[in-house]
Amino acid sequence: MNNCKSFKPSIDNDSKILILGSMPGVKSLEEQQYYAHPQNRFWKVMGHICNEPKLSEFDYETKLKILLNNNIALWDTIKSCKREGSLDSDIQNEKPNDIKDLLKKHPNIQTICLNGNKSYSAFKKYFPDLLEKYNCYKMPSTSPANARYSLDILIKEWAKILKDNM
């Protein structure tokens, strides 16, 4: 069982949307980059939404800057956990990030998108009051483990929420 720790948030004072994953997978932890697994569709989805079709091919710092330029922040619901492999279903002993403090420091955040079931269930468990205070959306996971959603369907589902809130 590996000890896993999330990254610092990618956020600035202009951010209006906060996207929360659950916990980075093995590849992301190795690379110290959000959504580093080449089969994760997150950057392709964001590229479409941010009108940067080749976003997934850019270097990591440029990807983060483009999201911030579109008022999108990134973080994870879970601060630390034990997990073997990358599956959310294998997460044990989770501890949440201090999302309330982050939101206090960044009052422009109005919308929270939860990337997948585990992010949503952890958010609901630790921050039920925030579900009422913010526009919160449980989004289909961009993970390759979520094979029932094609890239086109992911783009449509994410675009419905993000484009209205950008």
N, C-alpha and C. Protein backbone atom coordinates (compact mmCIF):
# COMPACT_ATOMS: atom_id res chain seq x y z
N MET A 1 0.84 -1.18 0.00
CA MET A 1 0.00 0.00 0.00
C MET A 1 0.89 1.24 0.00
N ASN A 2 0.66 2.13 -0.94
CA ASN A 2 1.46 3.35 -1.06
C ASN A 2 0.78 4.53 -0.39
N ASN A 3 1.58 5.40 0.22
CA ASN A 3 1.07 6.67 0.74
C ASN A 3 1.02 7.65 -0.42
N CYS A 4 -0.13 8.24 -0.66
CA CYS A 4 -0.31 9.19 -1.76
C CYS A 4 -0.66 10.56 -1.20
N LYS A 5 -0.08 11.59 -1.79
CA LYS A 5 -0.35 12.97 -1.38
C LYS A 5 -0.66 13.80 -2.61
N SER A 6 -1.70 14.62 -2.49
CA SER A 6 -2.09 15.46 -3.62
C SER A 6 -1.12 16.62 -3.79
N PHE A 7 -1.28 17.33 -4.89
CA PHE A 7 -0.43 18.47 -5.21
C PHE A 7 -1.03 19.74 -4.64
N LYS A 8 -0.26 20.82 -4.76
CA LYS A 8 -0.78 22.14 -4.43
C LYS A 8 -1.80 22.52 -5.50
N PRO A 9 -2.76 23.37 -5.15
CA PRO A 9 -3.74 23.79 -6.15
C PRO A 9 -3.10 24.67 -7.22
N SER A 10 -3.67 24.62 -8.40
CA SER A 10 -3.33 25.56 -9.47
C SER A 10 -4.50 26.54 -9.50
N ILE A 11 -4.29 27.75 -8.99
CA ILE A 11 -5.38 28.71 -8.82
C ILE A 11 -4.81 30.11 -8.80
N ASP A 12 -5.62 31.08 -9.18
CA ASP A 12 -5.24 32.48 -9.01
C ASP A 12 -6.49 33.28 -8.60
N ASN A 13 -6.32 34.55 -8.41
CA ASN A 13 -7.42 35.37 -7.90
C ASN A 13 -8.56 35.57 -8.89
N ASP A 14 -8.33 35.26 -10.17
CA ASP A 14 -9.38 35.40 -11.18
C ASP A 14 -10.18 34.11 -11.38
N SER A 15 -9.76 33.03 -10.76
CA SER A 15 -10.43 31.73 -10.96
C SER A 15 -11.89 31.81 -10.52
N LYS A 16 -12.77 31.30 -11.39
CA LYS A 16 -14.21 31.25 -11.11
C LYS A 16 -14.70 29.81 -10.96
N ILE A 17 -13.97 28.88 -11.57
CA ILE A 17 -14.35 27.47 -11.57
C ILE A 17 -13.23 26.68 -10.91
N LEU A 18 -13.60 25.80 -9.99
CA LEU A 18 -12.64 24.90 -9.35
C LEU A 18 -12.98 23.48 -9.78
N ILE A 19 -12.04 22.82 -10.44
CA ILE A 19 -12.20 21.41 -10.80
C ILE A 19 -11.44 20.59 -9.77
N LEU A 20 -12.15 19.69 -9.13
CA LEU A 20 -11.55 18.82 -8.11
C LEU A 20 -11.53 17.37 -8.60
N GLY A 21 -10.31 16.82 -8.68
CA GLY A 21 -10.18 15.39 -8.90
C GLY A 21 -10.27 14.70 -7.54
N SER A 22 -10.04 13.40 -7.53
CA SER A 22 -10.04 12.68 -6.25
C SER A 22 -8.62 12.69 -5.69
N MET A 23 -7.74 11.88 -6.28
CA MET A 23 -6.33 11.77 -5.91
C MET A 23 -5.57 11.42 -7.19
N PRO A 24 -4.45 12.08 -7.47
CA PRO A 24 -3.70 11.74 -8.68
C PRO A 24 -3.32 10.26 -8.72
N GLY A 25 -3.34 9.71 -9.93
CA GLY A 25 -2.93 8.32 -10.14
C GLY A 25 -1.42 8.17 -10.10
N VAL A 26 -0.98 6.95 -10.26
CA VAL A 26 0.45 6.62 -10.16
C VAL A 26 1.29 7.48 -11.13
N LYS A 27 0.90 7.55 -12.38
CA LYS A 27 1.67 8.30 -13.38
C LYS A 27 1.72 9.79 -13.02
N SER A 28 0.59 10.34 -12.58
CA SER A 28 0.56 11.74 -12.18
C SER A 28 1.45 12.00 -10.97
N LEU A 29 1.43 11.08 -10.01
CA LEU A 29 2.28 11.22 -8.83
C LEU A 29 3.75 11.15 -9.21
N GLU A 30 4.10 10.23 -10.12
CA GLU A 30 5.49 10.13 -10.59
C GLU A 30 5.94 11.41 -11.28
N GLU A 31 5.07 11.95 -12.13
CA GLU A 31 5.41 13.14 -12.92
C GLU A 31 5.18 14.44 -12.13
N GLN A 32 4.46 14.35 -11.01
CA GLN A 32 4.06 15.53 -10.23
C GLN A 32 3.30 16.52 -11.12
N GLN A 33 2.33 15.95 -11.87
CA GLN A 33 1.49 16.74 -12.78
C GLN A 33 0.07 16.20 -12.73
N TYR A 34 -0.89 17.11 -12.69
CA TYR A 34 -2.29 16.70 -12.80
C TYR A 34 -2.53 16.01 -14.15
N TYR A 35 -3.24 14.91 -14.10
CA TYR A 35 -3.71 14.20 -15.30
C TYR A 35 -2.58 13.86 -16.28
N ALA A 36 -1.49 13.30 -15.74
CA ALA A 36 -0.30 13.00 -16.56
C ALA A 36 -0.43 11.70 -17.37
N HIS A 37 -1.34 10.81 -16.99
CA HIS A 37 -1.48 9.55 -17.74
C HIS A 37 -1.91 9.88 -19.17
N PRO A 38 -1.19 9.36 -20.17
CA PRO A 38 -1.49 9.73 -21.55
C PRO A 38 -2.90 9.33 -22.01
N GLN A 39 -3.52 8.37 -21.33
CA GLN A 39 -4.87 7.95 -21.74
C GLN A 39 -5.97 8.70 -20.99
N ASN A 40 -5.60 9.51 -20.00
CA ASN A 40 -6.61 10.33 -19.33
C ASN A 40 -7.03 11.42 -20.31
N ARG A 41 -8.32 11.64 -20.43
CA ARG A 41 -8.83 12.56 -21.45
C ARG A 41 -9.03 13.98 -20.94
N PHE A 42 -8.59 14.27 -19.74
CA PHE A 42 -8.81 15.59 -19.15
C PHE A 42 -8.29 16.72 -20.04
N TRP A 43 -7.04 16.64 -20.46
CA TRP A 43 -6.45 17.75 -21.22
C TRP A 43 -7.09 17.88 -22.60
N LYS A 44 -7.55 16.78 -23.17
CA LYS A 44 -8.26 16.86 -24.46
C LYS A 44 -9.61 17.56 -24.28
N VAL A 45 -10.31 17.21 -23.21
CA VAL A 45 -11.59 17.85 -22.92
C VAL A 45 -11.38 19.35 -22.68
N MET A 46 -10.41 19.69 -21.84
CA MET A 46 -10.14 21.10 -21.54
C MET A 46 -9.68 21.86 -22.78
N GLY A 47 -8.92 21.20 -23.63
CA GLY A 47 -8.47 21.83 -24.87
C GLY A 47 -9.66 22.26 -25.73
N HIS A 48 -10.65 21.41 -25.82
CA HIS A 48 -11.85 21.75 -26.59
C HIS A 48 -12.58 22.92 -25.95
N ILE A 49 -12.76 22.87 -24.64
CA ILE A 49 -13.51 23.89 -23.92
C ILE A 49 -12.79 25.25 -23.95
N CYS A 50 -11.47 25.22 -23.87
CA CYS A 50 -10.67 26.45 -23.86
C CYS A 50 -10.25 26.91 -25.26
N ASN A 51 -10.80 26.27 -26.29
CA ASN A 51 -10.47 26.60 -27.69
C ASN A 51 -8.97 26.50 -27.97
N GLU A 52 -8.36 25.47 -27.39
CA GLU A 52 -6.94 25.14 -27.63
C GLU A 52 -6.88 23.66 -28.00
N PRO A 53 -7.22 23.31 -29.25
CA PRO A 53 -7.34 21.90 -29.62
C PRO A 53 -6.11 21.04 -29.36
N LYS A 54 -4.93 21.64 -29.33
CA LYS A 54 -3.69 20.89 -29.11
C LYS A 54 -3.19 21.00 -27.67
N LEU A 55 -4.05 21.41 -26.76
CA LEU A 55 -3.66 21.61 -25.36
C LEU A 55 -2.96 20.38 -24.79
N SER A 56 -3.46 19.20 -25.10
CA SER A 56 -2.88 17.97 -24.54
C SER A 56 -1.42 17.77 -24.96
N GLU A 57 -0.98 18.46 -26.01
CA GLU A 57 0.40 18.32 -26.49
C GLU A 57 1.33 19.37 -25.88
N PHE A 58 0.81 20.36 -25.19
CA PHE A 58 1.62 21.43 -24.62
C PHE A 58 2.36 20.95 -23.38
N ASP A 59 3.40 21.70 -23.00
CA ASP A 59 4.10 21.37 -21.75
C ASP A 59 3.17 21.68 -20.58
N TYR A 60 3.47 21.08 -19.46
CA TYR A 60 2.59 21.13 -18.30
C TYR A 60 2.31 22.55 -17.82
N GLU A 61 3.34 23.37 -17.70
CA GLU A 61 3.15 24.74 -17.21
C GLU A 61 2.24 25.53 -18.15
N THR A 62 2.36 25.32 -19.44
CA THR A 62 1.49 26.01 -20.40
C THR A 62 0.05 25.54 -20.24
N LYS A 63 -0.14 24.26 -20.02
CA LYS A 63 -1.50 23.74 -19.80
C LYS A 63 -2.15 24.44 -18.61
N LEU A 64 -1.42 24.53 -17.51
CA LEU A 64 -1.97 25.17 -16.32
C LEU A 64 -2.27 26.65 -16.58
N LYS A 65 -1.38 27.34 -17.30
CA LYS A 65 -1.59 28.76 -17.60
C LYS A 65 -2.84 28.96 -18.45
N ILE A 66 -3.05 28.08 -19.41
CA ILE A 66 -4.24 28.20 -20.27
C ILE A 66 -5.51 28.00 -19.45
N LEU A 67 -5.50 27.04 -18.53
CA LEU A 67 -6.68 26.87 -17.67
C LEU A 67 -6.90 28.13 -16.84
N LEU A 68 -5.84 28.65 -16.24
CA LEU A 68 -5.97 29.86 -15.43
C LEU A 68 -6.45 31.05 -16.27
N ASN A 69 -5.97 31.14 -17.50
CA ASN A 69 -6.43 32.21 -18.40
C ASN A 69 -7.92 32.09 -18.71
N ASN A 70 -8.45 30.88 -18.53
CA ASN A 70 -9.88 30.64 -18.73
C ASN A 70 -10.63 30.58 -17.40
N ASN A 71 -9.98 31.07 -16.35
CA ASN A 71 -10.58 31.16 -15.01
C ASN A 71 -10.88 29.80 -14.39
N ILE A 72 -10.09 28.79 -14.75
CA ILE A 72 -10.28 27.43 -14.23
C ILE A 72 -9.11 27.05 -13.32
N ALA A 73 -9.45 26.66 -12.10
CA ALA A 73 -8.47 26.20 -11.12
C ALA A 73 -8.55 24.69 -10.98
N LEU A 74 -7.46 24.07 -10.53
CA LEU A 74 -7.40 22.61 -10.32
C LEU A 74 -6.93 22.29 -8.92
N TRP A 75 -7.52 21.24 -8.35
CA TRP A 75 -7.04 20.68 -7.09
C TRP A 75 -7.66 19.30 -6.93
N ASP A 76 -7.48 18.72 -5.77
CA ASP A 76 -8.07 17.42 -5.46
C ASP A 76 -8.87 17.48 -4.18
N THR A 77 -9.91 16.69 -4.10
CA THR A 77 -10.73 16.62 -2.90
C THR A 77 -9.95 15.97 -1.77
N ILE A 78 -9.14 14.97 -2.10
CA ILE A 78 -8.40 14.20 -1.10
C ILE A 78 -6.96 14.71 -1.00
N LYS A 79 -6.54 14.99 0.22
CA LYS A 79 -5.17 15.46 0.48
C LYS A 79 -4.18 14.30 0.54
N SER A 80 -4.59 13.22 1.22
CA SER A 80 -3.70 12.07 1.35
C SER A 80 -4.54 10.81 1.54
N CYS A 81 -3.93 9.69 1.17
CA CYS A 81 -4.60 8.39 1.32
C CYS A 81 -3.57 7.29 1.15
N LYS A 82 -4.02 6.09 1.35
CA LYS A 82 -3.23 4.90 1.02
C LYS A 82 -3.92 4.24 -0.16
N ARG A 83 -3.11 3.80 -1.12
CA ARG A 83 -3.69 3.18 -2.31
C ARG A 83 -2.63 2.38 -3.04
N GLU A 84 -3.00 1.23 -3.50
CA GLU A 84 -2.16 0.43 -4.39
C GLU A 84 -2.68 0.68 -5.80
N GLY A 85 -1.84 1.13 -6.70
CA GLY A 85 -2.28 1.41 -8.07
C GLY A 85 -2.96 2.77 -8.17
N SER A 86 -3.81 2.92 -9.20
CA SER A 86 -4.42 4.22 -9.49
C SER A 86 -5.93 4.27 -9.33
N LEU A 87 -6.57 3.14 -9.08
CA LEU A 87 -8.03 3.13 -9.05
C LEU A 87 -8.58 3.83 -7.81
N ASP A 88 -9.56 4.68 -8.03
CA ASP A 88 -10.23 5.36 -6.92
C ASP A 88 -10.87 4.37 -5.95
N SER A 89 -11.32 3.25 -6.47
CA SER A 89 -11.98 2.25 -5.62
C SER A 89 -11.02 1.63 -4.61
N ASP A 90 -9.72 1.80 -4.82
CA ASP A 90 -8.71 1.24 -3.91
C ASP A 90 -8.23 2.25 -2.85
N ILE A 91 -8.80 3.45 -2.86
CA ILE A 91 -8.39 4.48 -1.89
C ILE A 91 -8.84 4.08 -0.48
N GLN A 92 -7.89 4.18 0.47
CA GLN A 92 -8.17 3.89 1.87
C GLN A 92 -7.57 5.00 2.74
N ASN A 93 -8.10 5.15 3.95
CA ASN A 93 -7.57 6.12 4.93
C ASN A 93 -7.45 7.52 4.35
N GLU A 94 -8.46 7.96 3.64
CA GLU A 94 -8.40 9.27 3.00
C GLU A 94 -8.54 10.40 4.02
N LYS A 95 -7.86 11.50 3.71
CA LYS A 95 -7.98 12.73 4.47
C LYS A 95 -8.23 13.84 3.44
N PRO A 96 -9.18 14.73 3.71
CA PRO A 96 -9.52 15.75 2.71
C PRO A 96 -8.56 16.94 2.70
N ASN A 97 -8.48 17.59 1.55
CA ASN A 97 -7.81 18.88 1.47
C ASN A 97 -8.66 19.93 2.17
N ASP A 98 -8.07 21.05 2.52
CA ASP A 98 -8.80 22.12 3.18
C ASP A 98 -9.45 23.02 2.12
N ILE A 99 -10.51 22.49 1.54
CA ILE A 99 -11.19 23.19 0.45
C ILE A 99 -11.88 24.45 0.97
N LYS A 100 -12.40 24.41 2.18
CA LYS A 100 -13.06 25.61 2.74
C LYS A 100 -12.07 26.77 2.83
N ASP A 101 -10.86 26.51 3.28
CA ASP A 101 -9.86 27.56 3.38
C ASP A 101 -9.50 28.11 1.99
N LEU A 102 -9.35 27.22 1.03
CA LEU A 102 -9.04 27.65 -0.34
C LEU A 102 -10.14 28.57 -0.87
N LEU A 103 -11.39 28.19 -0.63
CA LEU A 103 -12.51 29.00 -1.11
C LEU A 103 -12.59 30.36 -0.41
N LYS A 104 -12.21 30.40 0.86
CA LYS A 104 -12.17 31.68 1.58
C LYS A 104 -11.13 32.60 0.96
N LYS A 105 -9.99 32.03 0.59
CA LYS A 105 -8.90 32.82 0.01
C LYS A 105 -9.17 33.23 -1.44
N HIS A 106 -10.11 32.53 -2.09
CA HIS A 106 -10.42 32.78 -3.51
C HIS A 106 -11.93 32.95 -3.67
N PRO A 107 -12.43 34.11 -3.26
CA PRO A 107 -13.89 34.32 -3.25
C PRO A 107 -14.54 34.40 -4.63
N ASN A 108 -13.76 34.48 -5.70
CA ASN A 108 -14.36 34.51 -7.03
C ASN A 108 -14.84 33.14 -7.50
N ILE A 109 -14.42 32.08 -6.82
CA ILE A 109 -14.89 30.74 -7.19
C ILE A 109 -16.39 30.68 -6.95
N GLN A 110 -17.12 30.31 -7.99
CA GLN A 110 -18.58 30.19 -7.90
C GLN A 110 -19.05 28.78 -8.22
N THR A 111 -18.24 28.07 -9.00
CA THR A 111 -18.63 26.76 -9.50
C THR A 111 -17.57 25.74 -9.15
N ILE A 112 -18.01 24.58 -8.68
CA ILE A 112 -17.10 23.48 -8.37
C ILE A 112 -17.53 22.27 -9.20
N CYS A 113 -16.59 21.75 -9.98
CA CYS A 113 -16.83 20.55 -10.79
C CYS A 113 -16.04 19.41 -10.18
N LEU A 114 -16.72 18.32 -9.89
CA LEU A 114 -16.10 17.16 -9.26
C LEU A 114 -15.88 16.10 -10.32
N ASN A 115 -14.61 15.83 -10.61
CA ASN A 115 -14.23 14.94 -11.70
C ASN A 115 -14.35 13.48 -11.25
N GLY A 116 -15.54 12.92 -11.45
CA GLY A 116 -15.76 11.50 -11.17
C GLY A 116 -16.46 11.23 -9.84
N ASN A 117 -16.87 9.98 -9.68
CA ASN A 117 -17.66 9.56 -8.51
C ASN A 117 -16.91 9.70 -7.19
N LYS A 118 -15.64 9.34 -7.15
CA LYS A 118 -14.90 9.38 -5.88
C LYS A 118 -14.69 10.82 -5.43
N SER A 119 -14.36 11.71 -6.34
CA SER A 119 -14.22 13.11 -5.97
C SER A 119 -15.53 13.63 -5.40
N TYR A 120 -16.63 13.30 -6.06
CA TYR A 120 -17.94 13.75 -5.59
C TYR A 120 -18.30 13.16 -4.23
N SER A 121 -18.10 11.86 -4.07
CA SER A 121 -18.50 11.23 -2.80
C SER A 121 -17.65 11.74 -1.63
N ALA A 122 -16.35 11.98 -1.86
CA ALA A 122 -15.50 12.53 -0.80
C ALA A 122 -15.90 13.97 -0.49
N PHE A 123 -16.19 14.75 -1.51
CA PHE A 123 -16.62 16.14 -1.31
C PHE A 123 -17.92 16.17 -0.52
N LYS A 124 -18.86 15.33 -0.89
CA LYS A 124 -20.16 15.26 -0.21
C LYS A 124 -19.99 14.83 1.26
N LYS A 125 -19.05 13.92 1.50
CA LYS A 125 -18.80 13.41 2.85
C LYS A 125 -18.18 14.49 3.75
N TYR A 126 -17.18 15.20 3.24
CA TYR A 126 -16.43 16.14 4.07
C TYR A 126 -16.95 17.59 4.01
N PHE A 127 -17.66 17.94 2.94
CA PHE A 127 -18.08 19.33 2.75
C PHE A 127 -19.54 19.44 2.31
N PRO A 128 -20.46 18.78 3.01
CA PRO A 128 -21.86 18.80 2.55
C PRO A 128 -22.45 20.21 2.47
N ASP A 129 -22.01 21.11 3.35
CA ASP A 129 -22.52 22.48 3.34
C ASP A 129 -22.12 23.24 2.08
N LEU A 130 -20.98 22.87 1.49
CA LEU A 130 -20.53 23.56 0.28
C LEU A 130 -21.39 23.19 -0.93
N LEU A 131 -22.03 22.03 -0.88
CA LEU A 131 -22.92 21.63 -1.97
C LEU A 131 -24.07 22.62 -2.11
N GLU A 132 -24.48 23.22 -1.00
CA GLU A 132 -25.57 24.20 -1.00
C GLU A 132 -25.07 25.61 -1.33
N LYS A 133 -23.86 25.91 -0.94
CA LYS A 133 -23.33 27.27 -1.06
C LYS A 133 -22.80 27.59 -2.46
N TYR A 134 -22.35 26.58 -3.19
CA TYR A 134 -21.74 26.76 -4.51
C TYR A 134 -22.53 25.99 -5.57
N ASN A 135 -22.31 26.35 -6.82
CA ASN A 135 -22.84 25.56 -7.94
C ASN A 135 -21.91 24.36 -8.08
N CYS A 136 -22.35 23.21 -7.60
CA CYS A 136 -21.52 21.99 -7.62
C CYS A 136 -22.08 20.99 -8.62
N TYR A 137 -21.18 20.40 -9.40
CA TYR A 137 -21.58 19.46 -10.43
C TYR A 137 -20.73 18.20 -10.36
N LYS A 138 -21.39 17.07 -10.31
CA LYS A 138 -20.72 15.78 -10.41
C LYS A 138 -20.53 15.51 -11.90
N MET A 139 -19.27 15.50 -12.33
CA MET A 139 -18.94 15.33 -13.75
C MET A 139 -18.49 13.91 -14.03
N PRO A 140 -18.71 13.45 -15.27
CA PRO A 140 -18.18 12.12 -15.62
C PRO A 140 -16.65 12.16 -15.61
N SER A 141 -16.07 11.14 -15.05
CA SER A 141 -14.62 11.07 -14.93
C SER A 141 -13.93 11.05 -16.29
N THR A 142 -12.82 11.77 -16.37
CA THR A 142 -12.01 11.76 -17.59
C THR A 142 -11.00 10.62 -17.59
N SER A 143 -11.00 9.82 -16.53
CA SER A 143 -10.06 8.71 -16.39
C SER A 143 -10.26 7.66 -17.48
N PRO A 144 -9.16 6.99 -17.90
CA PRO A 144 -9.32 5.90 -18.86
C PRO A 144 -10.15 4.74 -18.29
N ALA A 145 -10.27 4.66 -16.97
CA ALA A 145 -11.09 3.61 -16.35
C ALA A 145 -12.57 3.84 -16.62
N ASN A 146 -12.95 5.05 -17.00
CA ASN A 146 -14.34 5.37 -17.32
C ASN A 146 -14.57 5.17 -18.82
N ALA A 147 -14.51 3.91 -19.24
CA ALA A 147 -14.55 3.58 -20.66
C ALA A 147 -15.94 3.74 -21.28
N ARG A 148 -16.98 3.84 -20.47
CA ARG A 148 -18.31 3.93 -21.07
C ARG A 148 -18.61 5.31 -21.64
N TYR A 149 -17.76 6.29 -21.33
CA TYR A 149 -17.90 7.63 -21.91
C TYR A 149 -16.84 7.83 -22.99
N SER A 150 -17.30 8.08 -24.21
CA SER A 150 -16.36 8.41 -25.29
C SER A 150 -15.84 9.82 -25.08
N LEU A 151 -14.78 10.17 -25.77
CA LEU A 151 -14.24 11.52 -25.69
C LEU A 151 -15.30 12.55 -26.09
N ASP A 152 -16.04 12.28 -27.16
CA ASP A 152 -17.07 13.22 -27.62
C ASP A 152 -18.14 13.45 -26.56
N ILE A 153 -18.56 12.40 -25.89
CA ILE A 153 -19.59 12.55 -24.84
C ILE A 153 -19.01 13.31 -23.65
N LEU A 154 -17.76 13.02 -23.27
CA LEU A 154 -17.13 13.77 -22.19
C LEU A 154 -17.09 15.26 -22.51
N ILE A 155 -16.70 15.59 -23.72
CA ILE A 155 -16.61 16.99 -24.13
C ILE A 155 -17.99 17.65 -24.02
N LYS A 156 -19.02 16.98 -24.51
CA LYS A 156 -20.37 17.55 -24.45
C LYS A 156 -20.81 17.77 -23.01
N GLU A 157 -20.59 16.78 -22.15
CA GLU A 157 -21.03 16.88 -20.75
C GLU A 157 -20.28 17.98 -20.01
N TRP A 158 -18.96 18.03 -20.17
CA TRP A 158 -18.17 19.04 -19.48
C TRP A 158 -18.45 20.44 -20.05
N ALA A 159 -18.61 20.55 -21.37
CA ALA A 159 -18.85 21.85 -21.99
C ALA A 159 -20.16 22.45 -21.53
N LYS A 160 -21.19 21.64 -21.29
CA LYS A 160 -22.49 22.14 -20.83
C LYS A 160 -22.33 22.96 -19.56
N ILE A 161 -21.49 22.49 -18.66
CA ILE A 161 -21.29 23.16 -17.37
C ILE A 161 -20.27 24.28 -17.49
N LEU A 162 -19.12 23.96 -18.02
CA LEU A 162 -18.02 24.93 -18.00
C LEU A 162 -18.29 26.16 -18.85
N LYS A 163 -18.82 25.98 -20.04
CA LYS A 163 -19.03 27.12 -20.92
C LYS A 163 -20.03 28.12 -20.33
N ASP A 164 -21.01 27.61 -19.56
CA ASP A 164 -21.98 28.50 -18.93
C ASP A 164 -21.40 29.25 -17.74
N ASN A 165 -20.28 28.79 -17.22
CA ASN A 165 -19.72 29.36 -15.97
C ASN A 165 -18.37 30.07 -16.17
N MET A 166 -17.86 30.09 -17.38
CA MET A 166 -16.55 30.69 -17.62
C MET A 166 -16.64 32.21 -17.67
